[in-house]
Amino acid sequence: MADQRIEEELAHLRRVTEELSDVVTRQAGEIELLTRRVRMLMQRAAEQEATGSGGVVLADERPPHY
């Protein structure tokens, strides 16, 4: 009886470990993708700031020449 319970517990722990491994692998991929996107956005923002075109004009905002 004890051997069967130990084997069941071990099987359960193996399954949970595999599921957690899959979750960690998926999240690592998502983190990598998000990191690349943030890096790209930061680069774009830096380029806009360097060229002086970083301002955002809102629809109800008057242009500076008024």
C-alpha atoms as a PDB file:
ATOM      1  CA  MET A   1       0.000   0.000   0.000  1.00  0.00           C
ATOM      2  CA  ALA A   2       2.718   2.492   0.923  1.00  0.00           C
ATOM      3  CA  ASP A   3       4.661   1.704  -2.253  1.00  0.00           C
ATOM      4  CA  GLN A   4       1.624   2.452  -4.399  1.00  0.00           C
ATOM      5  CA  ARG A   5       1.017   5.761  -2.615  1.00  0.00           C
ATOM      6  CA  ILE A   6       4.661   6.763  -3.090  1.00  0.00           C
ATOM      7  CA  GLU A   7       4.504   5.877  -6.800  1.00  0.00           C
ATOM      8  CA  GLU A   8       1.291   7.894  -7.228  1.00  0.00           C
ATOM      9  CA  GLU A   9       2.827  10.875  -5.448  1.00  0.00           C
ATOM     10  CA  LEU A  10       5.971  10.616  -7.565  1.00  0.00           C
ATOM     11  CA  ALA A  11       3.901  10.468 -10.771  1.00  0.00           C
ATOM     12  CA  HIS A  12       1.936  13.518  -9.640  1.00  0.00           C
ATOM     13  CA  LEU A  13       5.124  15.439  -8.836  1.00  0.00           C
ATOM     14  CA  ARG A  14       6.632  14.546 -12.217  1.00  0.00           C
ATOM     15  CA  ARG A  15       3.504  15.759 -14.033  1.00  0.00           C
ATOM     16  CA  VAL A  16       3.446  19.014 -12.073  1.00  0.00           C
ATOM     17  CA  THR A  17       7.161  19.531 -12.723  1.00  0.00           C
ATOM     18  CA  GLU A  18       6.645  19.058 -16.477  1.00  0.00           C
ATOM     19  CA  GLU A  19       3.692  21.480 -16.463  1.00  0.00           C
ATOM     20  CA  LEU A  20       5.710  24.095 -14.592  1.00  0.00           C
ATOM     21  CA  SER A  21       8.615  23.615 -16.977  1.00  0.00           C
ATOM     22  CA  ASP A  22       6.283  24.267 -19.910  1.00  0.00           C
ATOM     23  CA  VAL A  23       4.966  27.425 -18.227  1.00  0.00           C
ATOM     24  CA  VAL A  24       8.489  28.694 -17.549  1.00  0.00           C
ATOM     25  CA  THR A  25       9.542  27.993 -21.141  1.00  0.00           C
ATOM     26  CA  ARG A  26       6.503  29.839 -22.523  1.00  0.00           C
ATOM     27  CA  GLN A  27       7.030  32.789 -20.205  1.00  0.00           C
ATOM     28  CA  ALA A  28      10.712  32.994 -21.134  1.00  0.00           C
ATOM     29  CA  GLY A  29       9.697  33.331 -24.787  1.00  0.00           C
ATOM     30  CA  GLU A  30       7.151  36.014 -23.944  1.00  0.00           C
ATOM     31  CA  ILE A  31       9.690  37.926 -21.862  1.00  0.00           C
ATOM     32  CA  GLU A  32      12.207  37.751 -24.713  1.00  0.00           C
ATOM     33  CA  LEU A  33       9.623  39.102 -27.175  1.00  0.00           C
ATOM     34  CA  LEU A  34       8.554  41.899 -24.841  1.00  0.00           C
ATOM     35  CA  THR A  35      12.183  42.815 -24.143  1.00  0.00           C
ATOM     36  CA  ARG A  36      12.848  43.150 -27.880  1.00  0.00           C
ATOM     37  CA  ARG A  37       9.727  45.290 -28.313  1.00  0.00           C
ATOM     38  CA  VAL A  38      10.654  47.595 -25.432  1.00  0.00           C
ATOM     39  CA  ARG A  39      14.184  47.944 -26.805  1.00  0.00           C
ATOM     40  CA  MET A  40      12.766  48.824 -30.234  1.00  0.00           C
ATOM     41  CA  LEU A  41      10.362  51.388 -28.752  1.00  0.00           C
ATOM     42  CA  MET A  42      13.151  52.969 -26.702  1.00  0.00           C
ATOM     43  CA  GLN A  43      15.310  53.188 -29.813  1.00  0.00           C
ATOM     44  CA  ARG A  44      12.490  54.839 -31.768  1.00  0.00           C
ATOM     45  CA  ALA A  45      11.854  57.312 -28.942  1.00  0.00           C
ATOM     46  CA  ALA A  46      15.562  58.172 -28.790  1.00  0.00           C
ATOM     47  CA  GLU A  47      15.656  58.700 -32.572  1.00  0.00           C
ATOM     48  CA  GLN A  48      12.587  60.946 -32.441  1.00  0.00           C
ATOM     49  CA  GLU A  49      14.080  62.934 -29.587  1.00  0.00           C
ATOM     50  CA  ALA A  50      17.364  63.317 -31.463  1.00  0.00           C
ATOM     51  CA  THR A  51      15.595  64.617 -34.573  1.00  0.00           C
ATOM     52  CA  GLY A  52      13.285  66.856 -32.587  1.00  0.00           C
ATOM     53  CA  SER A  53      10.133  65.171 -33.837  1.00  0.00           C
ATOM     54  CA  GLY A  54       9.238  63.542 -30.550  1.00  0.00           C
ATOM     55  CA  GLY A  55       6.268  65.763 -29.801  1.00  0.00           C
ATOM     56  CA  VAL A  56       2.765  64.422 -30.055  1.00  0.00           C
ATOM     57  CA  VAL A  57       0.125  66.766 -31.463  1.00  0.00           C
ATOM     58  CA  LEU A  58      -3.293  66.193 -29.976  1.00  0.00           C
ATOM     59  CA  ALA A  59      -6.434  66.835 -32.043  1.00  0.00           C
ATOM     60  CA  ASP A  60      -7.596  69.701 -29.847  1.00  0.00           C
ATOM     61  CA  GLU A  61      -4.164  71.258 -29.445  1.00  0.00           C
ATOM     62  CA  ARG A  62      -3.248  74.365 -31.441  1.00  0.00           C
ATOM     63  CA  PRO A  63      -0.071  74.211 -33.491  1.00  0.00           C
ATOM     64  CA  PRO A  64       2.742  76.477 -32.230  1.00  0.00           C
ATOM     65  CA  HIS A  65       2.354  79.029 -35.083  1.00  0.00           C
ATOM     66  CA  TYR A  66      -1.057  80.241 -33.804  1.00  0.00           C
END
